[in-house]
Amino acid sequence: MTVTEIIENLPKLTLQEKFALSDALDADGAIAADNDAWDRQIHEDMKSGRLDFLFAEADAAHARGETEEWP
């Protein structure tokens, strides 16, 4: 089965099957390792200034009144 086929069939899974799939994916620790790598990359990008343009866009949107308070 391909990844595309798996994704297409996700809506057909029962809630219990979805939990079992989630547990299986998490069992080997690969997801946690990927999340840790993602977090490290974001922090590196933030420190290096690569994300400054996003902060500038957010500040500009806020100044234009296009943002809402976080709940």
PDB file of N, CA and C in Angstrom:
ATOM      1  N   MET A   1       0.856  -1.175   0.000  1.00  0.00           N
ATOM      2  CA  MET A   1       0.000   0.000   0.000  1.00  0.00           C
ATOM      3  C   MET A   1       0.901   1.237   0.000  1.00  0.00           C
ATOM      4  N   THR A   2       0.563   2.207  -0.799  1.00  0.00           N
ATOM      5  CA  THR A   2       1.344   3.439  -0.877  1.00  0.00           C
ATOM      6  C   THR A   2       0.877   4.427   0.181  1.00  0.00           C
ATOM      7  N   VAL A   3       1.676   5.426   0.414  1.00  0.00           N
ATOM      8  CA  VAL A   3       1.309   6.482   1.359  1.00  0.00           C
ATOM      9  C   VAL A   3       0.037   7.178   0.892  1.00  0.00           C
ATOM     10  N   THR A   4      -0.069   7.408  -0.396  1.00  0.00           N
ATOM     11  CA  THR A   4      -1.271   8.041  -0.952  1.00  0.00           C
ATOM     12  C   THR A   4      -2.506   7.202  -0.652  1.00  0.00           C
ATOM     13  N   GLU A   5      -2.393   5.890  -0.830  1.00  0.00           N
ATOM     14  CA  GLU A   5      -3.531   5.003  -0.544  1.00  0.00           C
ATOM     15  C   GLU A   5      -3.889   5.020   0.939  1.00  0.00           C
ATOM     16  N   ILE A   6      -2.879   5.059   1.786  1.00  0.00           N
ATOM     17  CA  ILE A   6      -3.130   5.128   3.227  1.00  0.00           C
ATOM     18  C   ILE A   6      -3.878   6.403   3.559  1.00  0.00           C
ATOM     19  N   ILE A   7      -3.413   7.522   3.040  1.00  0.00           N
ATOM     20  CA  ILE A   7      -4.047   8.814   3.308  1.00  0.00           C
ATOM     21  C   ILE A   7      -5.487   8.822   2.804  1.00  0.00           C
ATOM     22  N   GLU A   8      -5.696   8.287   1.624  1.00  0.00           N
ATOM     23  CA  GLU A   8      -7.044   8.251   1.066  1.00  0.00           C
ATOM     24  C   GLU A   8      -7.994   7.400   1.898  1.00  0.00           C
ATOM     25  N   ASN A   9      -7.465   6.387   2.579  1.00  0.00           N
ATOM     26  CA  ASN A   9      -8.300   5.477   3.352  1.00  0.00           C
ATOM     27  C   ASN A   9      -8.456   5.867   4.818  1.00  0.00           C
ATOM     28  N   LEU A  10      -7.777   6.900   5.262  1.00  0.00           N
ATOM     29  CA  LEU A  10      -7.894   7.326   6.657  1.00  0.00           C
ATOM     30  C   LEU A  10      -9.338   7.611   7.085  1.00  0.00           C
ATOM     31  N   PRO A  11     -10.133   8.279   6.252  1.00  0.00           N
ATOM     32  CA  PRO A  11     -11.514   8.546   6.674  1.00  0.00           C
ATOM     33  C   PRO A  11     -12.345   7.282   6.903  1.00  0.00           C
ATOM     34  N   LYS A  12     -11.916   6.176   6.330  1.00  0.00           N
ATOM     35  CA  LYS A  12     -12.663   4.927   6.478  1.00  0.00           C
ATOM     36  C   LYS A  12     -12.352   4.206   7.790  1.00  0.00           C
ATOM     37  N   LEU A  13     -11.294   4.618   8.485  1.00  0.00           N
ATOM     38  CA  LEU A  13     -10.896   3.958   9.720  1.00  0.00           C
ATOM     39  C   LEU A  13     -11.840   4.312  10.859  1.00  0.00           C
ATOM     40  N   THR A  14     -12.038   3.345  11.742  1.00  0.00           N
ATOM     41  CA  THR A  14     -12.805   3.622  12.958  1.00  0.00           C
ATOM     42  C   THR A  14     -11.918   4.423  13.899  1.00  0.00           C
ATOM     43  N   LEU A  15     -12.510   5.000  14.918  1.00  0.00           N
ATOM     44  CA  LEU A  15     -11.747   5.757  15.894  1.00  0.00           C
ATOM     45  C   LEU A  15     -10.694   4.862  16.555  1.00  0.00           C
ATOM     46  N   GLN A  16     -11.063   3.631  16.867  1.00  0.00           N
ATOM     47  CA  GLN A  16     -10.120   2.702  17.490  1.00  0.00           C
ATOM     48  C   GLN A  16      -8.956   2.393  16.548  1.00  0.00           C
ATOM     49  N   GLU A  17      -9.247   2.246  15.265  1.00  0.00           N
ATOM     50  CA  GLU A  17      -8.182   2.001  14.291  1.00  0.00           C
ATOM     51  C   GLU A  17      -7.258   3.204  14.160  1.00  0.00           C
ATOM     52  N   LYS A  18      -7.821   4.403  14.227  1.00  0.00           N
ATOM     53  CA  LYS A  18      -6.993   5.612  14.168  1.00  0.00           C
ATOM     54  C   LYS A  18      -6.072   5.697  15.377  1.00  0.00           C
ATOM     55  N   PHE A  19      -6.608   5.351  16.571  1.00  0.00           N
ATOM     56  CA  PHE A  19      -5.766   5.338  17.766  1.00  0.00           C
ATOM     57  C   PHE A  19      -4.657   4.303  17.634  1.00  0.00           C
ATOM     58  N   ALA A  20      -4.989   3.124  17.113  1.00  0.00           N
ATOM     59  CA  ALA A  20      -3.995   2.072  16.928  1.00  0.00           C
ATOM     60  C   ALA A  20      -2.918   2.522  15.946  1.00  0.00           C
ATOM     61  N   LEU A  21      -3.307   3.190  14.880  1.00  0.00           N
ATOM     62  CA  LEU A  21      -2.350   3.702  13.908  1.00  0.00           C
ATOM     63  C   LEU A  21      -1.439   4.736  14.545  1.00  0.00           C
ATOM     64  N   SER A  22      -2.024   5.638  15.300  1.00  0.00           N
ATOM     65  CA  SER A  22      -1.246   6.661  15.985  1.00  0.00           C
ATOM     66  C   SER A  22      -0.248   6.033  16.951  1.00  0.00           C
ATOM     67  N   ASP A  23      -0.700   5.042  17.708  1.00  0.00           N
ATOM     68  CA  ASP A  23       0.190   4.355  18.642  1.00  0.00           C
ATOM     69  C   ASP A  23       1.329   3.660  17.903  1.00  0.00           C
ATOM     70  N   ALA A  24       1.008   3.025  16.785  1.00  0.00           N
ATOM     71  CA  ALA A  24       2.036   2.327  16.006  1.00  0.00           C
ATOM     72  C   ALA A  24       3.064   3.309  15.454  1.00  0.00           C
ATOM     73  N   LEU A  25       2.606   4.452  14.979  1.00  0.00           N
ATOM     74  CA  LEU A  25       3.529   5.444  14.426  1.00  0.00           C
ATOM     75  C   LEU A  25       4.419   6.028  15.519  1.00  0.00           C
ATOM     76  N   ASP A  26       3.885   6.154  16.718  1.00  0.00           N
ATOM     77  CA  ASP A  26       4.630   6.744  17.817  1.00  0.00           C
ATOM     78  C   ASP A  26       5.530   5.735  18.524  1.00  0.00           C
ATOM     79  N   ALA A  27       5.271   4.450  18.346  1.00  0.00           N
ATOM     80  CA  ALA A  27       5.962   3.412  19.105  1.00  0.00           C
ATOM     81  C   ALA A  27       7.471   3.402  18.893  1.00  0.00           C
ATOM     82  N   ASP A  28       7.922   3.689  17.689  1.00  0.00           N
ATOM     83  CA  ASP A  28       9.362   3.613  17.435  1.00  0.00           C
ATOM     84  C   ASP A  28      10.098   4.911  17.762  1.00  0.00           C
ATOM     85  N   GLY A  29       9.370   5.928  18.195  1.00  0.00           N
ATOM     86  CA  GLY A  29      10.001   7.188  18.567  1.00  0.00           C
ATOM     87  C   GLY A  29      10.364   8.073  17.395  1.00  0.00           C
ATOM     88  N   ALA A  30      10.051   7.661  16.180  1.00  0.00           N
ATOM     89  CA  ALA A  30      10.428   8.436  14.994  1.00  0.00           C
ATOM     90  C   ALA A  30       9.713   9.772  14.958  1.00  0.00           C
ATOM     91  N   ILE A  31       8.453   9.784  15.364  1.00  0.00           N
ATOM     92  CA  ILE A  31       7.699  11.047  15.343  1.00  0.00           C
ATOM     93  C   ILE A  31       8.298  12.029  16.340  1.00  0.00           C
ATOM     94  N   ALA A  32       8.607  11.555  17.536  1.00  0.00           N
ATOM     95  CA  ALA A  32       9.204  12.427  18.548  1.00  0.00           C
ATOM     96  C   ALA A  32      10.546  12.961  18.066  1.00  0.00           C
ATOM     97  N   ALA A  33      11.338  12.104  17.431  1.00  0.00           N
ATOM     98  CA  ALA A  33      12.638  12.539  16.915  1.00  0.00           C
ATOM     99  C   ALA A  33      12.458  13.592  15.827  1.00  0.00           C
ATOM    100  N   ASP A  34      11.469  13.389  14.953  1.00  0.00           N
ATOM    101  CA  ASP A  34      11.193  14.372  13.907  1.00  0.00           C
ATOM    102  C   ASP A  34      10.748  15.696  14.523  1.00  0.00           C
ATOM    103  N   ASN A  35       9.903  15.623  15.553  1.00  0.00           N
ATOM    104  CA  ASN A  35       9.441  16.840  16.216  1.00  0.00           C
ATOM    105  C   ASN A  35      10.601  17.583  16.859  1.00  0.00           C
ATOM    106  N   ASP A  36      11.513  16.846  17.485  1.00  0.00           N
ATOM    107  CA  ASP A  36      12.684  17.471  18.097  1.00  0.00           C
ATOM    108  C   ASP A  36      13.557  18.144  17.039  1.00  0.00           C
ATOM    109  N   ALA A  37      13.741  17.466  15.909  1.00  0.00           N
ATOM    110  CA  ALA A  37      14.541  18.042  14.827  1.00  0.00           C
ATOM    111  C   ALA A  37      13.881  19.306  14.283  1.00  0.00           C
ATOM    112  N   TRP A  38      12.555  19.272  14.149  1.00  0.00           N
ATOM    113  CA  TRP A  38      11.808  20.441  13.676  1.00  0.00           C
ATOM    114  C   TRP A  38      11.998  21.607  14.642  1.00  0.00           C
ATOM    115  N   ASP A  39      11.848  21.330  15.935  1.00  0.00           N
ATOM    116  CA  ASP A  39      12.016  22.379  16.945  1.00  0.00           C
ATOM    117  C   ASP A  39      13.417  22.981  16.888  1.00  0.00           C
ATOM    118  N   ARG A  40      14.435  22.119  16.771  1.00  0.00           N
ATOM    119  CA  ARG A  40      15.809  22.626  16.692  1.00  0.00           C
ATOM    120  C   ARG A  40      15.997  23.510  15.464  1.00  0.00           C
ATOM    121  N   GLN A  41      15.436  23.096  14.317  1.00  0.00           N
ATOM    122  CA  GLN A  41      15.586  23.872  13.089  1.00  0.00           C
ATOM    123  C   GLN A  41      14.896  25.229  13.215  1.00  0.00           C
ATOM    124  N   ILE A  42      13.699  25.244  13.794  1.00  0.00           N
ATOM    125  CA  ILE A  42      12.985  26.517  13.984  1.00  0.00           C
ATOM    126  C   ILE A  42      13.806  27.456  14.865  1.00  0.00           C
ATOM    127  N   HIS A  43      14.353  26.943  15.950  1.00  0.00           N
ATOM    128  CA  HIS A  43      15.161  27.783  16.845  1.00  0.00           C
ATOM    129  C   HIS A  43      16.406  28.303  16.139  1.00  0.00           C
ATOM    130  N   GLU A  44      17.051  27.443  15.350  1.00  0.00           N
ATOM    131  CA  GLU A  44      18.222  27.882  14.588  1.00  0.00           C
ATOM    132  C   GLU A  44      17.850  28.962  13.580  1.00  0.00           C
ATOM    133  N   ASP A  45      16.744  28.768  12.883  1.00  0.00           N
ATOM    134  CA  ASP A  45      16.288  29.751  11.893  1.00  0.00           C
ATOM    135  C   ASP A  45      15.934  31.071  12.572  1.00  0.00           C
ATOM    136  N   MET A  46      15.310  30.983  13.741  1.00  0.00           N
ATOM    137  CA  MET A  46      14.934  32.196  14.454  1.00  0.00           C
ATOM    138  C   MET A  46      16.186  32.967  14.895  1.00  0.00           C
ATOM    139  N   LYS A  47      17.161  32.252  15.457  1.00  0.00           N
ATOM    140  CA  LYS A  47      18.393  32.898  15.919  1.00  0.00           C
ATOM    141  C   LYS A  47      19.170  33.529  14.765  1.00  0.00           C
ATOM    142  N   SER A  48      19.130  32.894  13.602  1.00  0.00           N
ATOM    143  CA  SER A  48      19.909  33.378  12.462  1.00  0.00           C
ATOM    144  C   SER A  48      19.255  34.552  11.743  1.00  0.00           C
ATOM    145  N   GLY A  49      17.973  34.814  12.052  1.00  0.00           N
ATOM    146  CA  GLY A  49      17.275  35.907  11.396  1.00  0.00           C
ATOM    147  C   GLY A  49      16.484  35.482  10.167  1.00  0.00           C
ATOM    148  N   ARG A  50      16.512  34.185   9.840  1.00  0.00           N
ATOM    149  CA  ARG A  50      15.795  33.710   8.652  1.00  0.00           C
ATOM    150  C   ARG A  50      14.288  33.890   8.758  1.00  0.00           C
ATOM    151  N   LEU A  51      13.788  34.031   9.975  1.00  0.00           N
ATOM    152  CA  LEU A  51      12.339  34.177  10.158  1.00  0.00           C
ATOM    153  C   LEU A  51      11.918  35.619  10.431  1.00  0.00           C
ATOM    154  N   ASP A  52      12.861  36.530  10.370  1.00  0.00           N
ATOM    155  CA  ASP A  52      12.550  37.937  10.656  1.00  0.00           C
ATOM    156  C   ASP A  52      11.444  38.472   9.755  1.00  0.00           C
ATOM    157  N   PHE A  53      11.416  38.027   8.506  1.00  0.00           N
ATOM    158  CA  PHE A  53      10.377  38.515   7.595  1.00  0.00           C
ATOM    159  C   PHE A  53       8.981  38.108   8.084  1.00  0.00           C
ATOM    160  N   LEU A  54       8.880  36.951   8.731  1.00  0.00           N
ATOM    161  CA  LEU A  54       7.577  36.530   9.262  1.00  0.00           C
ATOM    162  C   LEU A  54       7.153  37.414  10.430  1.00  0.00           C
ATOM    163  N   PHE A  55       8.116  37.735  11.294  1.00  0.00           N
ATOM    164  CA  PHE A  55       7.805  38.611  12.414  1.00  0.00           C
ATOM    165  C   PHE A  55       7.390  39.992  11.905  1.00  0.00           C
ATOM    166  N   ALA A  56       8.072  40.474  10.870  1.00  0.00           N
ATOM    167  CA  ALA A  56       7.733  41.785  10.291  1.00  0.00           C
ATOM    168  C   ALA A  56       6.331  41.760   9.685  1.00  0.00           C
ATOM    169  N   GLU A  57       5.991  40.663   8.989  1.00  0.00           N
ATOM    170  CA  GLU A  57       4.639  40.547   8.418  1.00  0.00           C
ATOM    171  C   GLU A  57       3.584  40.515   9.515  1.00  0.00           C
ATOM    172  N   ALA A  58       3.865  39.801  10.581  1.00  0.00           N
ATOM    173  CA  ALA A  58       2.910  39.713  11.688  1.00  0.00           C
ATOM    174  C   ALA A  58       2.742  41.075  12.364  1.00  0.00           C
ATOM    175  N   ASP A  59       3.848  41.770  12.570  1.00  0.00           N
ATOM    176  CA  ASP A  59       3.766  43.107  13.173  1.00  0.00           C
ATOM    177  C   ASP A  59       2.963  44.060  12.294  1.00  0.00           C
ATOM    178  N   ALA A  60       3.174  44.007  10.989  1.00  0.00           N
ATOM    179  CA  ALA A  60       2.452  44.874  10.063  1.00  0.00           C
ATOM    180  C   ALA A  60       0.963  44.534  10.056  1.00  0.00           C
ATOM    181  N   ALA A  61       0.623  43.257  10.058  1.00  0.00           N
ATOM    182  CA  ALA A  61      -0.785  42.839  10.089  1.00  0.00           C
ATOM    183  C   ALA A  61      -1.443  43.309  11.381  1.00  0.00           C
ATOM    184  N   HIS A  62      -0.710  43.218  12.468  1.00  0.00           N
ATOM    185  CA  HIS A  62      -1.250  43.673  13.759  1.00  0.00           C
ATOM    186  C   HIS A  62      -1.476  45.189  13.726  1.00  0.00           C
ATOM    187  N   ALA A  63      -0.528  45.921  13.174  1.00  0.00           N
ATOM    188  CA  ALA A  63      -0.659  47.377  13.087  1.00  0.00           C
ATOM    189  C   ALA A  63      -1.853  47.783  12.225  1.00  0.00           C
ATOM    190  N   ARG A  64      -2.184  46.967  11.229  1.00  0.00           N
ATOM    191  CA  ARG A  64      -3.346  47.237  10.374  1.00  0.00           C
ATOM    192  C   ARG A  64      -4.666  46.758  10.999  1.00  0.00           C
ATOM    193  N   GLY A  65      -4.579  46.161  12.167  1.00  0.00           N
ATOM    194  CA  GLY A  65      -5.775  45.680  12.841  1.00  0.00           C
ATOM    195  C   GLY A  65      -6.299  44.354  12.300  1.00  0.00           C
ATOM    196  N   GLU A  66      -5.437  43.587  11.642  1.00  0.00           N
ATOM    197  CA  GLU A  66      -5.852  42.353  11.017  1.00  0.00           C
ATOM    198  C   GLU A  66      -5.658  41.121  11.899  1.00  0.00           C
ATOM    199  N   THR A  67      -5.291  41.329  13.140  1.00  0.00           N
ATOM    200  CA  THR A  67      -5.062  40.202  14.038  1.00  0.00           C
ATOM    201  C   THR A  67      -6.067  40.223  15.184  1.00  0.00           C
ATOM    202  N   GLU A  68      -6.151  39.104  15.861  1.00  0.00           N
ATOM    203  CA  GLU A  68      -7.048  38.992  17.027  1.00  0.00           C
ATOM    204  C   GLU A  68      -6.219  38.580  18.235  1.00  0.00           C
ATOM    205  N   GLU A  69      -6.735  38.871  19.408  1.00  0.00           N
ATOM    206  CA  GLU A  69      -6.072  38.443  20.632  1.00  0.00           C
ATOM    207  C   GLU A  69      -6.090  36.933  20.727  1.00  0.00           C
ATOM    208  N   TRP A  70      -5.027  36.360  21.242  1.00  0.00           N
ATOM    209  CA  TRP A  70      -4.954  34.914  21.449  1.00  0.00           C
ATOM    210  C   TRP A  70      -5.879  34.539  22.601  1.00  0.00           C
ATOM    211  N   PRO A  71      -6.631  33.473  22.442  1.00  0.00           N
ATOM    212  CA  PRO A  71      -7.592  33.110  23.506  1.00  0.00           C
ATOM    213  C   PRO A  71      -6.951  32.862  24.846  1.00  0.00           C
TER     214      PRO A  71
END
